[in-house]
Amino acid sequence: HGMPVRVVRQSELRAWMVPITNWSRIVPYLVRYRGYRSPVLEQAIVVYLSQPRSLDSIVEGIADPDAGRVEAVIFALLASGRVISPDLAVVPLNGATRFQRE
C-alpha cells in the first residue's frame, strides 16, 4: 500500500501502557452508548466542569439515574476534545480521575 512501517520497541510500548489501558476501558462506553447521544446531558456536564472535577463527583453531581450513561457522555466529550483529562496519560482511570473543559 506504500505506507511506511514503523517498528515499535517494547520500551516505547511500556511508556504508553497507562494511556492504552485507559482508552481500552473508555472505548466500550463509546461503543455501547454511541446511539444514545444526549445534547442536554452533554451541555450539563460541560457546564458542571466550570472547574476540574473527578469522575466520581461528575457522576454524583449530574442528575441522571444511569451512571454508565453519564460516564459514556464524559468519554464522548473527551474523545471529541470538548473535555480533557491530563490524568489519563499518567495514572489509571478511576473515580479520582479529573476532567475539565478544554
N, C-alpha and C. Protein backbone atom coordinates (compact mmCIF):
# COMPACT_ATOMS: atom_id res chain seq x y z
N HIS A 1 0.80 -1.21 0.00
CA HIS A 1 0.00 0.00 0.00
C HIS A 1 0.84 1.26 0.00
N GLY A 2 2.15 1.11 0.05
CA GLY A 2 3.00 2.28 0.03
C GLY A 2 3.06 3.01 1.36
N MET A 3 2.52 2.43 2.40
CA MET A 3 2.53 3.07 3.71
C MET A 3 3.81 2.69 4.45
N PRO A 4 4.45 3.66 5.08
CA PRO A 4 5.66 3.33 5.83
C PRO A 4 5.32 2.49 7.06
N VAL A 5 6.19 1.60 7.40
CA VAL A 5 6.02 0.74 8.57
C VAL A 5 7.04 1.17 9.62
N ARG A 6 6.58 1.30 10.84
CA ARG A 6 7.46 1.68 11.94
C ARG A 6 7.41 0.58 13.00
N VAL A 7 8.56 0.11 13.38
CA VAL A 7 8.65 -0.90 14.42
C VAL A 7 8.59 -0.19 15.77
N VAL A 8 7.70 -0.66 16.63
CA VAL A 8 7.57 -0.09 17.97
C VAL A 8 8.28 -1.02 18.93
N ARG A 9 9.24 -0.48 19.61
CA ARG A 9 10.03 -1.28 20.55
C ARG A 9 9.27 -1.45 21.87
N GLN A 10 9.63 -2.49 22.58
CA GLN A 10 8.98 -2.81 23.86
C GLN A 10 9.06 -1.63 24.83
N SER A 11 10.20 -0.94 24.87
CA SER A 11 10.35 0.19 25.79
C SER A 11 9.39 1.33 25.45
N GLU A 12 9.16 1.56 24.16
CA GLU A 12 8.21 2.59 23.74
C GLU A 12 6.79 2.19 24.13
N LEU A 13 6.47 0.94 23.93
CA LEU A 13 5.15 0.43 24.24
C LEU A 13 4.88 0.54 25.75
N ARG A 14 5.87 0.23 26.56
CA ARG A 14 5.72 0.34 28.01
C ARG A 14 5.40 1.77 28.43
N ALA A 15 6.00 2.74 27.77
CA ALA A 15 5.76 4.14 28.10
C ALA A 15 4.31 4.54 27.81
N TRP A 16 3.65 3.84 26.91
CA TRP A 16 2.27 4.14 26.53
C TRP A 16 1.26 3.23 27.23
N MET A 17 1.71 2.37 28.14
CA MET A 17 0.83 1.38 28.74
C MET A 17 -0.36 2.00 29.49
N VAL A 18 -0.13 3.04 30.28
CA VAL A 18 -1.24 3.65 31.03
C VAL A 18 -2.28 4.25 30.09
N PRO A 19 -1.88 5.10 29.13
CA PRO A 19 -2.91 5.64 28.23
C PRO A 19 -3.63 4.56 27.41
N ILE A 20 -2.90 3.56 26.97
CA ILE A 20 -3.53 2.48 26.19
C ILE A 20 -4.53 1.73 27.05
N THR A 21 -4.16 1.42 28.27
CA THR A 21 -5.07 0.73 29.18
C THR A 21 -6.30 1.58 29.49
N ASN A 22 -6.09 2.87 29.71
CA ASN A 22 -7.22 3.76 29.99
C ASN A 22 -8.19 3.80 28.81
N TRP A 23 -7.66 3.95 27.60
CA TRP A 23 -8.55 4.02 26.43
C TRP A 23 -9.20 2.67 26.15
N SER A 24 -8.55 1.58 26.53
CA SER A 24 -9.20 0.28 26.35
C SER A 24 -10.40 0.14 27.29
N ARG A 25 -10.42 0.89 28.37
CA ARG A 25 -11.57 0.91 29.27
C ARG A 25 -12.64 1.90 28.81
N ILE A 26 -12.23 2.95 28.11
CA ILE A 26 -13.16 4.00 27.66
C ILE A 26 -13.91 3.58 26.40
N VAL A 27 -13.22 2.94 25.47
CA VAL A 27 -13.83 2.60 24.17
C VAL A 27 -15.13 1.80 24.30
N PRO A 28 -15.23 0.81 25.18
CA PRO A 28 -16.51 0.10 25.29
C PRO A 28 -17.70 1.01 25.64
N TYR A 29 -17.47 2.04 26.45
CA TYR A 29 -18.53 3.00 26.74
C TYR A 29 -18.94 3.74 25.47
N LEU A 30 -17.94 4.15 24.69
CA LEU A 30 -18.24 4.88 23.45
C LEU A 30 -19.04 4.01 22.49
N VAL A 31 -18.70 2.75 22.41
CA VAL A 31 -19.40 1.83 21.50
C VAL A 31 -20.81 1.55 22.01
N ARG A 32 -20.93 1.23 23.29
CA ARG A 32 -22.23 0.85 23.84
C ARG A 32 -23.24 1.98 23.77
N TYR A 33 -22.81 3.22 24.00
CA TYR A 33 -23.73 4.34 24.07
C TYR A 33 -23.71 5.21 22.82
N ARG A 34 -23.11 4.75 21.74
CA ARG A 34 -22.96 5.60 20.56
C ARG A 34 -24.30 6.04 19.96
N GLY A 35 -25.33 5.27 20.11
CA GLY A 35 -26.64 5.64 19.56
C GLY A 35 -27.51 6.44 20.51
N TYR A 36 -26.99 6.76 21.69
CA TYR A 36 -27.78 7.44 22.71
C TYR A 36 -27.26 8.84 23.00
N ARG A 37 -26.90 9.56 22.00
CA ARG A 37 -26.35 10.91 22.21
C ARG A 37 -27.41 11.79 22.87
N SER A 38 -26.98 12.55 23.86
CA SER A 38 -27.88 13.43 24.61
C SER A 38 -27.25 14.82 24.71
N PRO A 39 -27.61 15.71 23.78
CA PRO A 39 -27.04 17.06 23.82
C PRO A 39 -27.31 17.79 25.14
N VAL A 40 -28.47 17.54 25.76
CA VAL A 40 -28.78 18.19 27.03
C VAL A 40 -27.83 17.70 28.12
N LEU A 41 -27.60 16.40 28.18
CA LEU A 41 -26.66 15.85 29.16
C LEU A 41 -25.24 16.31 28.87
N GLU A 42 -24.86 16.35 27.60
CA GLU A 42 -23.53 16.84 27.24
C GLU A 42 -23.33 18.26 27.75
N GLN A 43 -24.31 19.12 27.50
CA GLN A 43 -24.20 20.51 27.93
C GLN A 43 -24.17 20.62 29.45
N ALA A 44 -24.97 19.81 30.13
CA ALA A 44 -24.98 19.84 31.59
C ALA A 44 -23.60 19.48 32.15
N ILE A 45 -22.95 18.50 31.55
CA ILE A 45 -21.62 18.10 32.01
C ILE A 45 -20.59 19.19 31.73
N VAL A 46 -20.63 19.77 30.53
CA VAL A 46 -19.68 20.84 30.20
C VAL A 46 -19.86 22.02 31.15
N VAL A 47 -21.10 22.38 31.45
CA VAL A 47 -21.35 23.48 32.40
C VAL A 47 -20.84 23.10 33.79
N TYR A 48 -21.10 21.87 34.21
CA TYR A 48 -20.66 21.39 35.53
C TYR A 48 -19.14 21.42 35.65
N LEU A 49 -18.45 21.29 34.55
CA LEU A 49 -16.98 21.31 34.57
C LEU A 49 -16.43 22.73 34.50
N SER A 50 -17.05 23.65 35.25
CA SER A 50 -16.52 25.01 35.34
C SER A 50 -15.17 25.02 36.05
N GLN A 51 -14.90 23.93 36.75
CA GLN A 51 -13.60 23.70 37.38
C GLN A 51 -13.30 22.21 37.23
N PRO A 52 -12.02 21.81 37.32
CA PRO A 52 -11.71 20.39 37.21
C PRO A 52 -12.43 19.59 38.30
N ARG A 53 -12.97 18.44 37.89
CA ARG A 53 -13.70 17.59 38.83
C ARG A 53 -13.35 16.13 38.57
N SER A 54 -13.47 15.34 39.62
CA SER A 54 -13.21 13.91 39.50
C SER A 54 -14.37 13.22 38.80
N LEU A 55 -14.08 12.07 38.23
CA LEU A 55 -15.12 11.28 37.57
C LEU A 55 -16.26 10.99 38.54
N ASP A 56 -15.94 10.58 39.76
CA ASP A 56 -16.98 10.28 40.75
C ASP A 56 -17.84 11.51 41.05
N SER A 57 -17.23 12.67 41.20
CA SER A 57 -18.01 13.87 41.53
C SER A 57 -18.90 14.29 40.37
N ILE A 58 -18.46 14.06 39.14
CA ILE A 58 -19.30 14.38 37.99
C ILE A 58 -20.50 13.45 37.97
N VAL A 59 -20.27 12.16 38.13
CA VAL A 59 -21.37 11.19 38.11
C VAL A 59 -22.37 11.50 39.22
N GLU A 60 -21.87 11.84 40.41
CA GLU A 60 -22.75 12.16 41.53
C GLU A 60 -23.46 13.50 41.35
N GLY A 61 -22.79 14.45 40.71
CA GLY A 61 -23.32 15.81 40.60
C GLY A 61 -24.29 16.02 39.46
N ILE A 62 -24.33 15.10 38.52
CA ILE A 62 -25.24 15.23 37.37
C ILE A 62 -26.50 14.42 37.66
N ALA A 63 -27.63 15.06 37.50
CA ALA A 63 -28.92 14.41 37.81
C ALA A 63 -29.33 13.47 36.68
N ASP A 64 -28.77 12.27 36.70
CA ASP A 64 -29.15 11.23 35.73
C ASP A 64 -29.06 9.89 36.47
N PRO A 65 -30.12 9.11 36.40
CA PRO A 65 -30.10 7.84 37.15
C PRO A 65 -29.16 6.78 36.58
N ASP A 66 -28.67 6.98 35.37
CA ASP A 66 -27.81 5.99 34.72
C ASP A 66 -26.36 6.46 34.76
N ALA A 67 -25.61 5.99 35.76
CA ALA A 67 -24.21 6.41 35.91
C ALA A 67 -23.39 6.02 34.70
N GLY A 68 -23.68 4.87 34.10
CA GLY A 68 -22.95 4.44 32.90
C GLY A 68 -23.14 5.40 31.75
N ARG A 69 -24.35 5.93 31.63
CA ARG A 69 -24.61 6.90 30.55
C ARG A 69 -23.85 8.19 30.80
N VAL A 70 -23.80 8.64 32.05
CA VAL A 70 -23.03 9.86 32.37
C VAL A 70 -21.56 9.64 32.03
N GLU A 71 -21.02 8.50 32.42
CA GLU A 71 -19.62 8.21 32.10
C GLU A 71 -19.40 8.16 30.60
N ALA A 72 -20.34 7.54 29.88
CA ALA A 72 -20.22 7.46 28.42
C ALA A 72 -20.21 8.85 27.80
N VAL A 73 -21.04 9.74 28.29
CA VAL A 73 -21.08 11.10 27.74
C VAL A 73 -19.77 11.84 28.07
N ILE A 74 -19.26 11.66 29.28
CA ILE A 74 -17.95 12.26 29.62
C ILE A 74 -16.89 11.78 28.65
N PHE A 75 -16.88 10.47 28.39
CA PHE A 75 -15.87 9.90 27.50
C PHE A 75 -16.08 10.36 26.05
N ALA A 76 -17.33 10.53 25.64
CA ALA A 76 -17.60 11.05 24.29
C ALA A 76 -17.12 12.49 24.17
N LEU A 77 -17.34 13.27 25.22
CA LEU A 77 -16.84 14.65 25.23
C LEU A 77 -15.31 14.66 25.20
N LEU A 78 -14.71 13.73 25.90
CA LEU A 78 -13.26 13.58 25.89
C LEU A 78 -12.76 13.24 24.48
N ALA A 79 -13.40 12.27 23.85
CA ALA A 79 -13.00 11.85 22.51
C ALA A 79 -13.18 12.96 21.48
N SER A 80 -14.17 13.82 21.70
CA SER A 80 -14.42 14.91 20.76
C SER A 80 -13.54 16.13 21.04
N GLY A 81 -12.85 16.13 22.18
CA GLY A 81 -11.97 17.25 22.51
C GLY A 81 -12.62 18.37 23.29
N ARG A 82 -13.89 18.22 23.65
CA ARG A 82 -14.57 19.27 24.43
C ARG A 82 -14.19 19.22 25.90
N VAL A 83 -13.71 18.06 26.33
CA VAL A 83 -13.27 17.85 27.71
C VAL A 83 -11.89 17.21 27.63
N ILE A 84 -11.03 17.54 28.59
CA ILE A 84 -9.70 16.93 28.63
C ILE A 84 -9.46 16.32 30.02
N SER A 85 -8.48 15.43 30.07
CA SER A 85 -8.06 14.83 31.33
C SER A 85 -6.57 14.51 31.24
N PRO A 86 -5.73 15.43 31.71
CA PRO A 86 -4.30 15.13 31.72
C PRO A 86 -3.95 13.89 32.54
N ASP A 87 -4.79 13.57 33.52
CA ASP A 87 -4.56 12.38 34.36
C ASP A 87 -4.46 11.10 33.53
N LEU A 88 -5.23 11.01 32.47
CA LEU A 88 -5.31 9.76 31.70
C LEU A 88 -3.98 9.36 31.07
N ALA A 89 -3.07 10.29 30.95
CA ALA A 89 -1.76 9.97 30.36
C ALA A 89 -0.80 9.39 31.39
N VAL A 90 -1.13 9.56 32.68
CA VAL A 90 -0.14 9.18 33.69
C VAL A 90 -0.64 8.26 34.79
N VAL A 91 -1.95 8.20 35.01
CA VAL A 91 -2.48 7.34 36.08
C VAL A 91 -3.66 6.53 35.55
N PRO A 92 -3.87 5.34 36.11
CA PRO A 92 -5.01 4.53 35.66
C PRO A 92 -6.35 5.23 35.91
N LEU A 93 -7.26 5.04 34.99
CA LEU A 93 -8.61 5.59 35.09
C LEU A 93 -9.30 5.04 36.34
N ASN A 94 -9.85 5.95 37.15
CA ASN A 94 -10.61 5.55 38.34
C ASN A 94 -11.51 6.71 38.73
N GLY A 95 -12.21 6.58 39.83
CA GLY A 95 -13.15 7.61 40.25
C GLY A 95 -12.49 8.95 40.57
N ALA A 96 -11.21 8.95 40.86
CA ALA A 96 -10.50 10.19 41.18
C ALA A 96 -9.93 10.89 39.94
N THR A 97 -10.03 10.23 38.79
CA THR A 97 -9.51 10.84 37.54
C THR A 97 -10.22 12.17 37.31
N ARG A 98 -9.45 13.22 37.09
CA ARG A 98 -10.00 14.56 36.92
C ARG A 98 -10.26 14.89 35.45
N PHE A 99 -11.36 15.60 35.24
CA PHE A 99 -11.74 16.05 33.90
C PHE A 99 -12.00 17.54 33.99
N GLN A 100 -11.79 18.24 32.87
CA GLN A 100 -12.03 19.67 32.80
C GLN A 100 -12.40 20.06 31.39
N ARG A 101 -13.00 21.23 31.28
CA ARG A 101 -13.33 21.75 29.95
C ARG A 101 -12.05 22.07 29.21
N GLU A 102 -12.11 21.94 27.90
CA GLU A 102 -10.96 22.31 27.06
C GLU A 102 -10.90 23.80 26.95
